[in-house]
Amino acid sequence: MRQGIHPDYGPVVFRDRAANHAFLTRSTMTSDKTIEWEDGHTYPVVDVEISDVSHPFYTGTARVLDTAGRVERFERRYGKRS
């Protein structure tokens, strides 16, 4: 790789404020805000709106729409096209 053209890659804490959950990983993202992590070191923190802890798909609270029932209800209400 060429030197000097890539962003710094280092430890960053991502914090899901809605679920009160945070995790430490490596990323090229930066932030002015910092947080003291469990290991006693201070890392930049990036607040996210949604993560695997609060996303409906991963938590099992996702709703499945009944599209077949909606089509049948529409056909009953307005009749089938011929």
PDB file of N, CA and C in Angstrom:
ATOM      1  N   MET A   1       0.835  -1.182   0.000  1.00  0.00           N
ATOM      2  CA  MET A   1       0.000   0.000   0.000  1.00  0.00           C
ATOM      3  C   MET A   1       0.881   1.247   0.000  1.00  0.00           C
ATOM      4  N   ARG A   2       0.379   2.274  -0.646  1.00  0.00           N
ATOM      5  CA  ARG A   2       1.103   3.538  -0.653  1.00  0.00           C
ATOM      6  C   ARG A   2       0.968   4.220   0.698  1.00  0.00           C
ATOM      7  N   GLN A   3       2.001   4.827   1.147  1.00  0.00           N
ATOM      8  CA  GLN A   3       2.019   5.502   2.438  1.00  0.00           C
ATOM      9  C   GLN A   3       1.385   6.880   2.329  1.00  0.00           C
ATOM     10  N   GLY A   4       0.670   7.295   3.368  1.00  0.00           N
ATOM     11  CA  GLY A   4       0.157   8.651   3.458  1.00  0.00           C
ATOM     12  C   GLY A   4      -1.168   8.919   2.771  1.00  0.00           C
ATOM     13  N   ILE A   5      -1.809   7.930   2.144  1.00  0.00           N
ATOM     14  CA  ILE A   5      -3.077   8.199   1.459  1.00  0.00           C
ATOM     15  C   ILE A   5      -4.263   7.553   2.166  1.00  0.00           C
ATOM     16  N   HIS A   6      -4.013   6.695   3.133  1.00  0.00           N
ATOM     17  CA  HIS A   6      -5.087   5.986   3.812  1.00  0.00           C
ATOM     18  C   HIS A   6      -5.376   6.621   5.173  1.00  0.00           C
ATOM     19  N   PRO A   7      -6.650   6.621   5.597  1.00  0.00           N
ATOM     20  CA  PRO A   7      -6.960   7.179   6.922  1.00  0.00           C
ATOM     21  C   PRO A   7      -6.433   6.266   8.029  1.00  0.00           C
ATOM     22  N   ASP A   8      -6.250   6.841   9.204  1.00  0.00           N
ATOM     23  CA  ASP A   8      -5.776   6.060  10.345  1.00  0.00           C
ATOM     24  C   ASP A   8      -6.832   5.030  10.727  1.00  0.00           C
ATOM     25  N   TYR A   9      -6.370   3.833  11.068  1.00  0.00           N
ATOM     26  CA  TYR A   9      -7.232   2.725  11.442  1.00  0.00           C
ATOM     27  C   TYR A   9      -6.910   2.361  12.879  1.00  0.00           C
ATOM     28  N   GLY A  10      -7.850   2.619  13.776  1.00  0.00           N
ATOM     29  CA  GLY A  10      -7.556   2.371  15.178  1.00  0.00           C
ATOM     30  C   GLY A  10      -8.799   2.037  15.973  1.00  0.00           C
ATOM     31  N   PRO A  11      -8.639   1.831  17.274  1.00  0.00           N
ATOM     32  CA  PRO A  11      -9.778   1.457  18.117  1.00  0.00           C
ATOM     33  C   PRO A  11     -10.774   2.603  18.280  1.00  0.00           C
ATOM     34  N   VAL A  12     -12.060   2.266  18.167  1.00  0.00           N
ATOM     35  CA  VAL A  12     -13.155   3.223  18.306  1.00  0.00           C
ATOM     36  C   VAL A  12     -14.290   2.522  19.052  1.00  0.00           C
ATOM     37  N   VAL A  13     -14.968   3.245  19.917  1.00  0.00           N
ATOM     38  CA  VAL A  13     -16.142   2.708  20.606  1.00  0.00           C
ATOM     39  C   VAL A  13     -17.382   3.199  19.875  1.00  0.00           C
ATOM     40  N   PHE A  14     -18.248   2.267  19.476  1.00  0.00           N
ATOM     41  CA  PHE A  14     -19.540   2.602  18.891  1.00  0.00           C
ATOM     42  C   PHE A  14     -20.584   2.435  19.982  1.00  0.00           C
ATOM     43  N   ARG A  15     -21.408   3.481  20.183  1.00  0.00           N
ATOM     44  CA  ARG A  15     -22.383   3.466  21.267  1.00  0.00           C
ATOM     45  C   ARG A  15     -23.782   3.632  20.693  1.00  0.00           C
ATOM     46  N   ASP A  16     -24.644   2.655  20.974  1.00  0.00           N
ATOM     47  CA  ASP A  16     -26.057   2.716  20.604  1.00  0.00           C
ATOM     48  C   ASP A  16     -26.788   3.344  21.780  1.00  0.00           C
ATOM     49  N   ARG A  17     -27.143   4.605  21.648  1.00  0.00           N
ATOM     50  CA  ARG A  17     -27.740   5.336  22.761  1.00  0.00           C
ATOM     51  C   ARG A  17     -29.137   4.844  23.078  1.00  0.00           C
ATOM     52  N   ALA A  18     -29.876   4.342  22.089  1.00  0.00           N
ATOM     53  CA  ALA A  18     -31.238   3.876  22.323  1.00  0.00           C
ATOM     54  C   ALA A  18     -31.250   2.623  23.187  1.00  0.00           C
ATOM     55  N   ALA A  19     -30.290   1.733  22.983  1.00  0.00           N
ATOM     56  CA  ALA A  19     -30.262   0.464  23.716  1.00  0.00           C
ATOM     57  C   ALA A  19     -29.277   0.503  24.882  1.00  0.00           C
ATOM     58  N   ASN A  20     -28.578   1.613  25.068  1.00  0.00           N
ATOM     59  CA  ASN A  20     -27.571   1.732  26.121  1.00  0.00           C
ATOM     60  C   ASN A  20     -26.545   0.602  26.010  1.00  0.00           C
ATOM     61  N   HIS A  21     -26.012   0.439  24.799  1.00  0.00           N
ATOM     62  CA  HIS A  21     -25.054  -0.623  24.510  1.00  0.00           C
ATOM     63  C   HIS A  21     -23.871  -0.017  23.765  1.00  0.00           C
ATOM     64  N   ALA A  22     -22.670  -0.449  24.094  1.00  0.00           N
ATOM     65  CA  ALA A  22     -21.467   0.045  23.413  1.00  0.00           C
ATOM     66  C   ALA A  22     -20.536  -1.126  23.156  1.00  0.00           C
ATOM     67  N   PHE A  23     -19.755  -1.024  22.073  1.00  0.00           N
ATOM     68  CA  PHE A  23     -18.770  -2.056  21.782  1.00  0.00           C
ATOM     69  C   PHE A  23     -17.521  -1.428  21.185  1.00  0.00           C
ATOM     70  N   LEU A  24     -16.402  -2.017  21.488  1.00  0.00           N
ATOM     71  CA  LEU A  24     -15.104  -1.532  21.035  1.00  0.00           C
ATOM     72  C   LEU A  24     -14.684  -2.330  19.819  1.00  0.00           C
ATOM     73  N   THR A  25     -14.300  -1.627  18.778  1.00  0.00           N
ATOM     74  CA  THR A  25     -13.830  -2.275  17.556  1.00  0.00           C
ATOM     75  C   THR A  25     -12.805  -1.348  16.906  1.00  0.00           C
ATOM     76  N   ARG A  26     -12.303  -1.739  15.759  1.00  0.00           N
ATOM     77  CA  ARG A  26     -11.360  -0.901  15.021  1.00  0.00           C
ATOM     78  C   ARG A  26     -12.071  -0.316  13.814  1.00  0.00           C
ATOM     79  N   SER A  27     -11.777   0.949  13.527  1.00  0.00           N
ATOM     80  CA  SER A  27     -12.441   1.631  12.433  1.00  0.00           C
ATOM     81  C   SER A  27     -11.598   2.822  11.984  1.00  0.00           C
ATOM     82  N   THR A  28     -11.953   3.374  10.829  1.00  0.00           N
ATOM     83  CA  THR A  28     -11.310   4.598  10.355  1.00  0.00           C
ATOM     84  C   THR A  28     -12.107   5.827  10.764  1.00  0.00           C
ATOM     85  N   MET A  29     -13.275   5.639  11.390  1.00  0.00           N
ATOM     86  CA  MET A  29     -14.080   6.774  11.831  1.00  0.00           C
ATOM     87  C   MET A  29     -13.387   7.493  12.980  1.00  0.00           C
ATOM     88  N   THR A  30     -13.617   8.791  13.060  1.00  0.00           N
ATOM     89  CA  THR A  30     -13.039   9.593  14.131  1.00  0.00           C
ATOM     90  C   THR A  30     -14.139  10.395  14.808  1.00  0.00           C
ATOM     91  N   SER A  31     -13.840  10.882  15.994  1.00  0.00           N
ATOM     92  CA  SER A  31     -14.794  11.689  16.736  1.00  0.00           C
ATOM     93  C   SER A  31     -14.038  12.573  17.718  1.00  0.00           C
ATOM     94  N   ASP A  32     -14.631  13.718  18.034  1.00  0.00           N
ATOM     95  CA  ASP A  32     -14.052  14.603  19.041  1.00  0.00           C
ATOM     96  C   ASP A  32     -14.402  14.137  20.449  1.00  0.00           C
ATOM     97  N   LYS A  33     -15.510  13.390  20.565  1.00  0.00           N
ATOM     98  CA  LYS A  33     -15.936  12.888  21.870  1.00  0.00           C
ATOM     99  C   LYS A  33     -15.128  11.644  22.228  1.00  0.00           C
ATOM    100  N   THR A  34     -14.851  11.482  23.520  1.00  0.00           N
ATOM    101  CA  THR A  34     -14.111  10.310  23.983  1.00  0.00           C
ATOM    102  C   THR A  34     -14.861   9.660  25.141  1.00  0.00           C
ATOM    103  N   ILE A  35     -14.489   8.419  25.426  1.00  0.00           N
ATOM    104  CA  ILE A  35     -15.093   7.673  26.513  1.00  0.00           C
ATOM    105  C   ILE A  35     -14.013   6.807  27.143  1.00  0.00           C
ATOM    106  N   GLU A  36     -14.099   6.649  28.451  1.00  0.00           N
ATOM    107  CA  GLU A  36     -13.166   5.744  29.122  1.00  0.00           C
ATOM    108  C   GLU A  36     -13.780   4.349  29.096  1.00  0.00           C
ATOM    109  N   TRP A  37     -13.048   3.415  28.514  1.00  0.00           N
ATOM    110  CA  TRP A  37     -13.552   2.058  28.319  1.00  0.00           C
ATOM    111  C   TRP A  37     -13.239   1.197  29.538  1.00  0.00           C
ATOM    112  N   GLU A  38     -13.741  -0.013  29.564  1.00  0.00           N
ATOM    113  CA  GLU A  38     -13.595  -0.940  30.690  1.00  0.00           C
ATOM    114  C   GLU A  38     -12.147  -1.259  31.020  1.00  0.00           C
ATOM    115  N   ASP A  39     -11.268  -1.176  30.039  1.00  0.00           N
ATOM    116  CA  ASP A  39      -9.862  -1.499  30.268  1.00  0.00           C
ATOM    117  C   ASP A  39      -9.066  -0.311  30.819  1.00  0.00           C
ATOM    118  N   GLY A  40      -9.731   0.827  31.041  1.00  0.00           N
ATOM    119  CA  GLY A  40      -9.075   1.994  31.605  1.00  0.00           C
ATOM    120  C   GLY A  40      -8.515   2.952  30.584  1.00  0.00           C
ATOM    121  N   HIS A  41      -8.514   2.605  29.309  1.00  0.00           N
ATOM    122  CA  HIS A  41      -8.021   3.489  28.255  1.00  0.00           C
ATOM    123  C   HIS A  41      -9.148   4.387  27.759  1.00  0.00           C
ATOM    124  N   THR A  42      -8.781   5.506  27.167  1.00  0.00           N
ATOM    125  CA  THR A  42      -9.740   6.439  26.598  1.00  0.00           C
ATOM    126  C   THR A  42      -9.738   6.298  25.088  1.00  0.00           C
ATOM    127  N   TYR A  43     -10.933   6.123  24.506  1.00  0.00           N
ATOM    128  CA  TYR A  43     -11.084   5.929  23.072  1.00  0.00           C
ATOM    129  C   TYR A  43     -12.089   6.935  22.516  1.00  0.00           C
ATOM    130  N   PRO A  44     -11.991   7.261  21.220  1.00  0.00           N
ATOM    131  CA  PRO A  44     -13.029   8.087  20.610  1.00  0.00           C
ATOM    132  C   PRO A  44     -14.338   7.302  20.563  1.00  0.00           C
ATOM    133  N   VAL A  45     -15.459   7.992  20.723  1.00  0.00           N
ATOM    134  CA  VAL A  45     -16.767   7.334  20.726  1.00  0.00           C
ATOM    135  C   VAL A  45     -17.619   7.902  19.597  1.00  0.00           C
ATOM    136  N   VAL A  46     -18.299   7.007  18.861  1.00  0.00           N
ATOM    137  CA  VAL A  46     -19.204   7.383  17.782  1.00  0.00           C
ATOM    138  C   VAL A  46     -20.593   6.911  18.179  1.00  0.00           C
ATOM    139  N   ASP A  47     -21.554   7.841  18.269  1.00  0.00           N
ATOM    140  CA  ASP A  47     -22.926   7.483  18.611  1.00  0.00           C
ATOM    141  C   ASP A  47     -23.668   7.067  17.351  1.00  0.00           C
ATOM    142  N   VAL A  48     -24.343   5.923  17.446  1.00  0.00           N
ATOM    143  CA  VAL A  48     -25.131   5.407  16.326  1.00  0.00           C
ATOM    144  C   VAL A  48     -26.593   5.340  16.743  1.00  0.00           C
ATOM    145  N   GLU A  49     -27.486   5.428  15.774  1.00  0.00           N
ATOM    146  CA  GLU A  49     -28.910   5.388  16.072  1.00  0.00           C
ATOM    147  C   GLU A  49     -29.417   3.970  16.280  1.00  0.00           C
ATOM    148  N   ILE A  50     -28.803   3.016  15.615  1.00  0.00           N
ATOM    149  CA  ILE A  50     -29.303   1.647  15.685  1.00  0.00           C
ATOM    150  C   ILE A  50     -28.136   0.685  15.539  1.00  0.00           C
ATOM    151  N   SER A  51     -28.200  -0.423  16.256  1.00  0.00           N
ATOM    152  CA  SER A  51     -27.171  -1.451  16.154  1.00  0.00           C
ATOM    153  C   SER A  51     -27.846  -2.815  16.199  1.00  0.00           C
ATOM    154  N   ASP A  52     -27.055  -3.868  16.267  1.00  0.00           N
ATOM    155  CA  ASP A  52     -27.637  -5.196  16.303  1.00  0.00           C
ATOM    156  C   ASP A  52     -28.443  -5.445  17.577  1.00  0.00           C
ATOM    157  N   VAL A  53     -28.211  -4.666  18.613  1.00  0.00           N
ATOM    158  CA  VAL A  53     -28.942  -4.830  19.866  1.00  0.00           C
ATOM    159  C   VAL A  53     -30.343  -4.224  19.787  1.00  0.00           C
ATOM    160  N   SER A  54     -30.516  -3.174  18.978  1.00  0.00           N
ATOM    161  CA  SER A  54     -31.806  -2.496  18.929  1.00  0.00           C
ATOM    162  C   SER A  54     -32.534  -2.640  17.594  1.00  0.00           C
ATOM    163  N   HIS A  55     -31.930  -3.252  16.594  1.00  0.00           N
ATOM    164  CA  HIS A  55     -32.566  -3.385  15.290  1.00  0.00           C
ATOM    165  C   HIS A  55     -33.646  -4.467  15.345  1.00  0.00           C
ATOM    166  N   PRO A  56     -34.853  -4.191  14.826  1.00  0.00           N
ATOM    167  CA  PRO A  56     -35.943  -5.166  14.904  1.00  0.00           C
ATOM    168  C   PRO A  56     -35.629  -6.513  14.251  1.00  0.00           C
ATOM    169  N   PHE A  57     -34.832  -6.528  13.198  1.00  0.00           N
ATOM    170  CA  PHE A  57     -34.509  -7.793  12.541  1.00  0.00           C
ATOM    171  C   PHE A  57     -33.719  -8.708  13.472  1.00  0.00           C
ATOM    172  N   TYR A  58     -32.757  -8.152  14.182  1.00  0.00           N
ATOM    173  CA  TYR A  58     -31.905  -8.957  15.056  1.00  0.00           C
ATOM    174  C   TYR A  58     -32.563  -9.264  16.393  1.00  0.00           C
ATOM    175  N   THR A  59     -33.484  -8.420  16.843  1.00  0.00           N
ATOM    176  CA  THR A  59     -34.130  -8.649  18.137  1.00  0.00           C
ATOM    177  C   THR A  59     -35.336  -9.565  18.024  1.00  0.00           C
ATOM    178  N   GLY A  60     -35.787  -9.851  16.801  1.00  0.00           N
ATOM    179  CA  GLY A  60     -36.940 -10.733  16.616  1.00  0.00           C
ATOM    180  C   GLY A  60     -38.270 -10.025  16.719  1.00  0.00           C
ATOM    181  N   THR A  61     -38.282  -8.716  16.722  1.00  0.00           N
ATOM    182  CA  THR A  61     -39.533  -7.968  16.811  1.00  0.00           C
ATOM    183  C   THR A  61     -39.961  -7.406  15.467  1.00  0.00           C
ATOM    184  N   ALA A  62     -39.353  -7.868  14.391  1.00  0.00           N
ATOM    185  CA  ALA A  62     -39.713  -7.379  13.063  1.00  0.00           C
ATOM    186  C   ALA A  62     -41.102  -7.900  12.693  1.00  0.00           C
ATOM    187  N   ARG A  63     -41.887  -7.049  12.060  1.00  0.00           N
ATOM    188  CA  ARG A  63     -43.226  -7.451  11.644  1.00  0.00           C
ATOM    189  C   ARG A  63     -43.178  -7.917  10.201  1.00  0.00           C
ATOM    190  N   VAL A  64     -43.874  -8.977   9.917  1.00  0.00           N
ATOM    191  CA  VAL A  64     -43.982  -9.490   8.553  1.00  0.00           C
ATOM    192  C   VAL A  64     -45.348  -9.081   8.028  1.00  0.00           C
ATOM    193  N   LEU A  65     -45.354  -8.396   6.906  1.00  0.00           N
ATOM    194  CA  LEU A  65     -46.613  -7.941   6.336  1.00  0.00           C
ATOM    195  C   LEU A  65     -47.268  -9.077   5.567  1.00  0.00           C
ATOM    196  N   ASP A  66     -48.560  -9.181   5.712  1.00  0.00           N
ATOM    197  CA  ASP A  66     -49.331 -10.210   5.030  1.00  0.00           C
ATOM    198  C   ASP A  66     -49.775  -9.662   3.684  1.00  0.00           C
ATOM    199  N   THR A  67     -48.906  -9.731   2.691  1.00  0.00           N
ATOM    200  CA  THR A  67     -49.223  -9.143   1.392  1.00  0.00           C
ATOM    201  C   THR A  67     -50.300  -9.938   0.667  1.00  0.00           C
ATOM    202  N   ALA A  68     -50.320 -11.263   0.827  1.00  0.00           N
ATOM    203  CA  ALA A  68     -51.344 -12.062   0.157  1.00  0.00           C
ATOM    204  C   ALA A  68     -52.722 -11.711   0.705  1.00  0.00           C
ATOM    205  N   GLY A  69     -52.832 -11.542   1.995  1.00  0.00           N
ATOM    206  CA  GLY A  69     -54.114 -11.157   2.588  1.00  0.00           C
ATOM    207  C   GLY A  69     -54.566  -9.792   2.126  1.00  0.00           C
ATOM    208  N   ARG A  70     -53.653  -8.895   1.922  1.00  0.00           N
ATOM    209  CA  ARG A  70     -54.012  -7.553   1.461  1.00  0.00           C
ATOM    210  C   ARG A  70     -54.529  -7.591   0.023  1.00  0.00           C
ATOM    211  N   VAL A  71     -53.890  -8.421  -0.805  1.00  0.00           N
ATOM    212  CA  VAL A  71     -54.329  -8.533  -2.200  1.00  0.00           C
ATOM    213  C   VAL A  71     -55.727  -9.140  -2.247  1.00  0.00           C
ATOM    214  N   GLU A  72     -55.953 -10.197  -1.463  1.00  0.00           N
ATOM    215  CA  GLU A  72     -57.272 -10.830  -1.447  1.00  0.00           C
ATOM    216  C   GLU A  72     -58.341  -9.868  -0.936  1.00  0.00           C
ATOM    217  N   ARG A  73     -58.005  -9.093   0.070  1.00  0.00           N
ATOM    218  CA  ARG A  73     -58.956  -8.129   0.607  1.00  0.00           C
ATOM    219  C   ARG A  73     -59.269  -7.057  -0.441  1.00  0.00           C
ATOM    220  N   PHE A  74     -58.261  -6.621  -1.193  1.00  0.00           N
ATOM    221  CA  PHE A  74     -58.472  -5.645  -2.252  1.00  0.00           C
ATOM    222  C   PHE A  74     -59.381  -6.221  -3.335  1.00  0.00           C
ATOM    223  N   GLU A  75     -59.136  -7.486  -3.716  1.00  0.00           N
ATOM    224  CA  GLU A  75     -59.952  -8.112  -4.757  1.00  0.00           C
ATOM    225  C   GLU A  75     -61.393  -8.298  -4.285  1.00  0.00           C
ATOM    226  N   ARG A  76     -61.593  -8.636  -3.016  1.00  0.00           N
ATOM    227  CA  ARG A  76     -62.956  -8.759  -2.496  1.00  0.00           C
ATOM    228  C   ARG A  76     -63.653  -7.404  -2.492  1.00  0.00           C
ATOM    229  N   ARG A  77     -62.927  -6.389  -2.135  1.00  0.00           N
ATOM    230  CA  ARG A  77     -63.528  -5.067  -2.010  1.00  0.00           C
ATOM    231  C   ARG A  77     -63.841  -4.467  -3.369  1.00  0.00           C
ATOM    232  N   TYR A  78     -62.937  -4.587  -4.316  1.00  0.00           N
ATOM    233  CA  TYR A  78     -63.114  -3.915  -5.602  1.00  0.00           C
ATOM    234  C   TYR A  78     -63.318  -4.863  -6.768  1.00  0.00           C
ATOM    235  N   GLY A  79     -63.261  -6.146  -6.529  1.00  0.00           N
ATOM    236  CA  GLY A  79     -63.492  -7.129  -7.583  1.00  0.00           C
ATOM    237  C   GLY A  79     -62.244  -7.373  -8.407  1.00  0.00           C
ATOM    238  N   LYS A  80     -62.184  -8.570  -8.963  1.00  0.00           N
ATOM    239  CA  LYS A  80     -61.035  -8.918  -9.797  1.00  0.00           C
ATOM    240  C   LYS A  80     -61.156  -8.254 -11.149  1.00  0.00           C
ATOM    241  N   ARG A  81     -60.016  -7.939 -11.732  1.00  0.00           N
ATOM    242  CA  ARG A  81     -60.015  -7.398 -13.090  1.00  0.00           C
ATOM    243  C   ARG A  81     -60.056  -8.558 -14.058  1.00  0.00           C
ATOM    244  N   SER A  82     -60.809  -8.443 -15.110  1.00  0.00           N
ATOM    245  CA  SER A  82     -60.863  -9.528 -16.083  1.00  0.00           C
ATOM    246  C   SER A  82     -60.149  -9.182 -17.359  1.00  0.00           C
TER     247      SER A  82
END
